Amino acid sequence: MVTFRYRLTWLDIDCARVAHYLRYFVWVDEAFHRYLYERGFHIKEFMEQGYGLPYTASSCRYLQALTLEDEVEIQTTVTDLAPKGFTLRYRIMRAGDSAVVAEGDMVRRCIRREPRKSVEMPALLSEILKEIAAEGDSR
């Protein structure tokens, strides 16, 4: 399981003074990319080699509002791991009281950009995803 903490800033807040709904996806993506980077998988190099990892579906259930300077903990695991794609399942909790404020899924596919088609993931990425999935299964 990937765990990431974040404190909301002005960038995250909309005109109603609560977290903008799209920011939740940004936090999950940031947590995931940091995890990959720390394990030696660099998205920049992956893209330079002609690959892409686009989202093909996403969902979020917003359970409670977040406001400026709230601190959150994002917990992410991998489910539905296949040779050409996977699902990130996430839960976002307010750090102060551990209340679940949002949860959902983000589906990604591995592609070659030219020609644009789904392909099997590189071995290193696949191994890292298997580790995340196994950590999630053991909880």
C-alpha atoms as a PDB file:
ATOM      1  CA  MET A   1       0.000   0.000   0.000  1.00  0.00           C
ATOM      2  CA  VAL A   2       1.242   3.472  -0.890  1.00  0.00           C
ATOM      3  CA  THR A   3       0.722   6.091   1.844  1.00  0.00           C
ATOM      4  CA  PHE A   4       1.187   9.825   1.251  1.00  0.00           C
ATOM      5  CA  ARG A   5       0.434  12.826   3.488  1.00  0.00           C
ATOM      6  CA  TYR A   6      -0.494  16.234   2.174  1.00  0.00           C
ATOM      7  CA  ARG A   7      -1.631  19.576   3.657  1.00  0.00           C
ATOM      8  CA  LEU A   8      -4.149  21.533   1.564  1.00  0.00           C
ATOM      9  CA  THR A   9      -3.072  24.943   0.243  1.00  0.00           C
ATOM     10  CA  TRP A  10      -4.831  27.755  -1.629  1.00  0.00           C
ATOM     11  CA  LEU A  11      -4.219  25.824  -4.839  1.00  0.00           C
ATOM     12  CA  ASP A  12      -6.571  23.070  -3.629  1.00  0.00           C
ATOM     13  CA  ILE A  13      -9.513  25.255  -2.613  1.00  0.00           C
ATOM     14  CA  ASP A  14     -12.438  26.356  -4.805  1.00  0.00           C
ATOM     15  CA  CYS A  15     -14.717  29.405  -4.497  1.00  0.00           C
ATOM     16  CA  ALA A  16     -16.877  27.581  -1.921  1.00  0.00           C
ATOM     17  CA  ARG A  17     -13.760  27.324   0.302  1.00  0.00           C
ATOM     18  CA  VAL A  18     -13.624  23.525   0.122  1.00  0.00           C
ATOM     19  CA  ALA A  19     -11.244  21.246  -1.770  1.00  0.00           C
ATOM     20  CA  HIS A  20     -11.918  21.274  -5.513  1.00  0.00           C
ATOM     21  CA  TYR A  21     -13.157  17.880  -6.657  1.00  0.00           C
ATOM     22  CA  LEU A  22     -10.360  17.393  -9.225  1.00  0.00           C
ATOM     23  CA  ARG A  23      -7.596  17.865  -6.646  1.00  0.00           C
ATOM     24  CA  TYR A  24      -8.368  14.464  -5.088  1.00  0.00           C
ATOM     25  CA  PHE A  25      -7.197  12.787  -8.321  1.00  0.00           C
ATOM     26  CA  VAL A  26      -4.050  14.939  -8.348  1.00  0.00           C
ATOM     27  CA  TRP A  27      -3.130  13.821  -4.822  1.00  0.00           C
ATOM     28  CA  VAL A  28      -3.563  10.133  -5.692  1.00  0.00           C
ATOM     29  CA  ASP A  29      -1.490  10.581  -8.846  1.00  0.00           C
ATOM     30  CA  GLU A  30       1.246  12.420  -6.930  1.00  0.00           C
ATOM     31  CA  ALA A  31       1.419   9.683  -4.292  1.00  0.00           C
ATOM     32  CA  PHE A  32       1.656   6.986  -6.957  1.00  0.00           C
ATOM     33  CA  HIS A  33       4.361   8.772  -8.969  1.00  0.00           C
ATOM     34  CA  ARG A  34       6.470   9.416  -5.867  1.00  0.00           C
ATOM     35  CA  TYR A  35       6.226   5.745  -4.913  1.00  0.00           C
ATOM     36  CA  LEU A  36       7.369   4.641  -8.390  1.00  0.00           C
ATOM     37  CA  TYR A  37      10.213   7.158  -8.411  1.00  0.00           C
ATOM     38  CA  GLU A  38      11.492   6.034  -5.000  1.00  0.00           C
ATOM     39  CA  ARG A  39      11.689   2.473  -6.360  1.00  0.00           C
ATOM     40  CA  GLY A  40      13.679   3.412  -9.444  1.00  0.00           C
ATOM     41  CA  PHE A  41      10.888   3.686 -12.006  1.00  0.00           C
ATOM     42  CA  HIS A  42      11.016   7.101 -13.654  1.00  0.00           C
ATOM     43  CA  ILE A  43       7.946   8.190 -15.607  1.00  0.00           C
ATOM     44  CA  LYS A  44       9.983  10.711 -17.621  1.00  0.00           C
ATOM     45  CA  GLU A  45      12.282   7.963 -18.964  1.00  0.00           C
ATOM     46  CA  PHE A  46       9.280   5.706 -19.590  1.00  0.00           C
ATOM     47  CA  MET A  47       7.654   8.417 -21.712  1.00  0.00           C
ATOM     48  CA  GLU A  48      10.911   9.189 -23.538  1.00  0.00           C
ATOM     49  CA  GLN A  49      10.963   5.509 -24.581  1.00  0.00           C
ATOM     50  CA  GLY A  50       7.600   6.020 -26.307  1.00  0.00           C
ATOM     51  CA  TYR A  51       5.291   4.669 -23.595  1.00  0.00           C
ATOM     52  CA  GLY A  52       2.312   6.237 -21.912  1.00  0.00           C
ATOM     53  CA  LEU A  53       0.206   5.338 -18.880  1.00  0.00           C
ATOM     54  CA  PRO A  54      -3.107   7.159 -19.416  1.00  0.00           C
ATOM     55  CA  TYR A  55      -6.109   6.936 -17.147  1.00  0.00           C
ATOM     56  CA  THR A  56      -9.015   5.242 -18.889  1.00  0.00           C
ATOM     57  CA  ALA A  57     -11.569   5.540 -16.066  1.00  0.00           C
ATOM     58  CA  SER A  58     -11.847   7.182 -12.669  1.00  0.00           C
ATOM     59  CA  SER A  59     -14.355   7.471  -9.872  1.00  0.00           C
ATOM     60  CA  CYS A  60     -14.539   9.206  -6.525  1.00  0.00           C
ATOM     61  CA  ARG A  61     -17.081   9.138  -3.718  1.00  0.00           C
ATOM     62  CA  TYR A  62     -16.811  12.391  -1.769  1.00  0.00           C
ATOM     63  CA  LEU A  63     -17.874  11.665   1.802  1.00  0.00           C
ATOM     64  CA  GLN A  64     -16.807  14.792   3.706  1.00  0.00           C
ATOM     65  CA  ALA A  65     -15.513  18.219   2.724  1.00  0.00           C
ATOM     66  CA  LEU A  66     -11.912  19.283   3.169  1.00  0.00           C
ATOM     67  CA  THR A  67     -10.827  22.877   3.760  1.00  0.00           C
ATOM     68  CA  LEU A  68      -7.689  24.996   3.713  1.00  0.00           C
ATOM     69  CA  GLU A  69      -4.816  23.548   5.774  1.00  0.00           C
ATOM     70  CA  ASP A  70      -6.533  20.223   6.428  1.00  0.00           C
ATOM     71  CA  GLU A  71      -3.949  17.467   6.349  1.00  0.00           C
ATOM     72  CA  VAL A  72      -4.881  14.272   4.553  1.00  0.00           C
ATOM     73  CA  GLU A  73      -3.443  10.804   4.272  1.00  0.00           C
ATOM     74  CA  ILE A  74      -3.883   9.078   0.920  1.00  0.00           C
ATOM     75  CA  GLN A  75      -3.740   5.281   0.959  1.00  0.00           C
ATOM     76  CA  THR A  76      -3.489   3.605  -2.429  1.00  0.00           C
ATOM     77  CA  THR A  77      -3.264  -0.015  -3.478  1.00  0.00           C
ATOM     78  CA  VAL A  78      -3.256  -1.837  -6.804  1.00  0.00           C
ATOM     79  CA  THR A  79      -6.113  -4.110  -7.845  1.00  0.00           C
ATOM     80  CA  ASP A  80      -7.085  -5.778 -11.117  1.00  0.00           C
ATOM     81  CA  LEU A  81      -3.428  -6.089 -12.160  1.00  0.00           C
ATOM     82  CA  ALA A  82      -3.147  -7.340 -15.741  1.00  0.00           C
ATOM     83  CA  PRO A  83      -0.242  -7.402 -18.223  1.00  0.00           C
ATOM     84  CA  LYS A  84      -1.466  -4.199 -19.926  1.00  0.00           C
ATOM     85  CA  GLY A  85      -3.090  -2.266 -17.098  1.00  0.00           C
ATOM     86  CA  PHE A  86      -4.192  -1.952 -13.493  1.00  0.00           C
ATOM     87  CA  THR A  87      -6.526  -0.152 -11.114  1.00  0.00           C
ATOM     88  CA  LEU A  88      -5.440   2.174  -8.311  1.00  0.00           C
ATOM     89  CA  ARG A  89      -7.917   1.916  -5.434  1.00  0.00           C
ATOM     90  CA  TYR A  90      -7.572   4.765  -2.993  1.00  0.00           C
ATOM     91  CA  ARG A  91      -8.896   6.113   0.281  1.00  0.00           C
ATOM     92  CA  ILE A  92      -8.315   9.663   1.493  1.00  0.00           C
ATOM     93  CA  MET A  93      -8.542  10.306   5.231  1.00  0.00           C
ATOM     94  CA  ARG A  94      -8.367  13.487   7.278  1.00  0.00           C
ATOM     95  CA  ALA A  95      -5.171  13.109   9.307  1.00  0.00           C
ATOM     96  CA  GLY A  96      -6.572  14.721  12.467  1.00  0.00           C
ATOM     97  CA  ASP A  97      -9.457  12.328  13.071  1.00  0.00           C
ATOM     98  CA  SER A  98      -8.860   9.508  10.507  1.00  0.00           C
ATOM     99  CA  ALA A  99     -12.282  10.164   8.967  1.00  0.00           C
ATOM    100  CA  VAL A 100     -12.553   8.780   5.448  1.00  0.00           C
ATOM    101  CA  VAL A 101     -13.319  11.819   3.286  1.00  0.00           C
ATOM    102  CA  ALA A 102     -13.142  10.209  -0.172  1.00  0.00           C
ATOM    103  CA  GLU A 103     -12.550   6.875  -1.882  1.00  0.00           C
ATOM    104  CA  GLY A 104     -12.475   5.598  -5.413  1.00  0.00           C
ATOM    105  CA  ASP A 105     -10.655   3.960  -8.299  1.00  0.00           C
ATOM    106  CA  MET A 106      -8.438   5.094 -11.170  1.00  0.00           C
ATOM    107  CA  VAL A 107      -7.833   2.707 -14.089  1.00  0.00           C
ATOM    108  CA  ARG A 108      -4.608   2.946 -16.109  1.00  0.00           C
ATOM    109  CA  ARG A 109      -3.454   1.260 -19.334  1.00  0.00           C
ATOM    110  CA  CYS A 110       0.078   0.905 -20.660  1.00  0.00           C
ATOM    111  CA  ILE A 111       0.366   2.129 -24.239  1.00  0.00           C
ATOM    112  CA  ARG A 112       2.924   2.751 -26.963  1.00  0.00           C
ATOM    113  CA  ARG A 113       2.349   6.226 -28.326  1.00  0.00           C
ATOM    114  CA  GLU A 114       3.337   5.298 -31.913  1.00  0.00           C
ATOM    115  CA  PRO A 115       1.321   3.445 -33.028  1.00  0.00           C
ATOM    116  CA  ARG A 116      -1.145   4.189 -30.241  1.00  0.00           C
ATOM    117  CA  LYS A 117      -2.060   0.792 -28.809  1.00  0.00           C
ATOM    118  CA  SER A 118      -2.122  -1.094 -25.514  1.00  0.00           C
ATOM    119  CA  VAL A 119       1.037  -3.047 -24.738  1.00  0.00           C
ATOM    120  CA  GLU A 120       2.402  -5.088 -21.860  1.00  0.00           C
ATOM    121  CA  MET A 121       4.016  -3.095 -19.092  1.00  0.00           C
ATOM    122  CA  PRO A 122       7.804  -3.104 -18.718  1.00  0.00           C
ATOM    123  CA  ALA A 123       9.096  -5.671 -16.210  1.00  0.00           C
ATOM    124  CA  LEU A 124      10.184  -3.135 -13.556  1.00  0.00           C
ATOM    125  CA  LEU A 125       6.778  -1.428 -13.511  1.00  0.00           C
ATOM    126  CA  SER A 126       4.993  -4.759 -13.358  1.00  0.00           C
ATOM    127  CA  GLU A 127       7.142  -5.908 -10.409  1.00  0.00           C
ATOM    128  CA  ILE A 128       6.538  -2.698  -8.449  1.00  0.00           C
ATOM    129  CA  LEU A 129       2.781  -2.988  -9.030  1.00  0.00           C
ATOM    130  CA  LYS A 130       2.840  -6.613  -7.841  1.00  0.00           C
ATOM    131  CA  GLU A 131       4.579  -5.459  -4.636  1.00  0.00           C
ATOM    132  CA  ILE A 132       1.915  -2.806  -4.018  1.00  0.00           C
ATOM    133  CA  ALA A 133      -0.882  -5.306  -4.684  1.00  0.00           C
ATOM    134  CA  ALA A 134       0.684  -7.858  -2.326  1.00  0.00           C
ATOM    135  CA  GLU A 135       1.032  -5.249   0.432  1.00  0.00           C
ATOM    136  CA  GLY A 136      -2.650  -4.380  -0.009  1.00  0.00           C
ATOM    137  CA  ASP A 137      -3.662  -8.085   0.151  1.00  0.00           C
ATOM    138  CA  SER A 138      -1.787  -8.591   3.416  1.00  0.00           C
ATOM    139  CA  ARG A 139      -3.771  -5.885   5.250  1.00  0.00           C
END
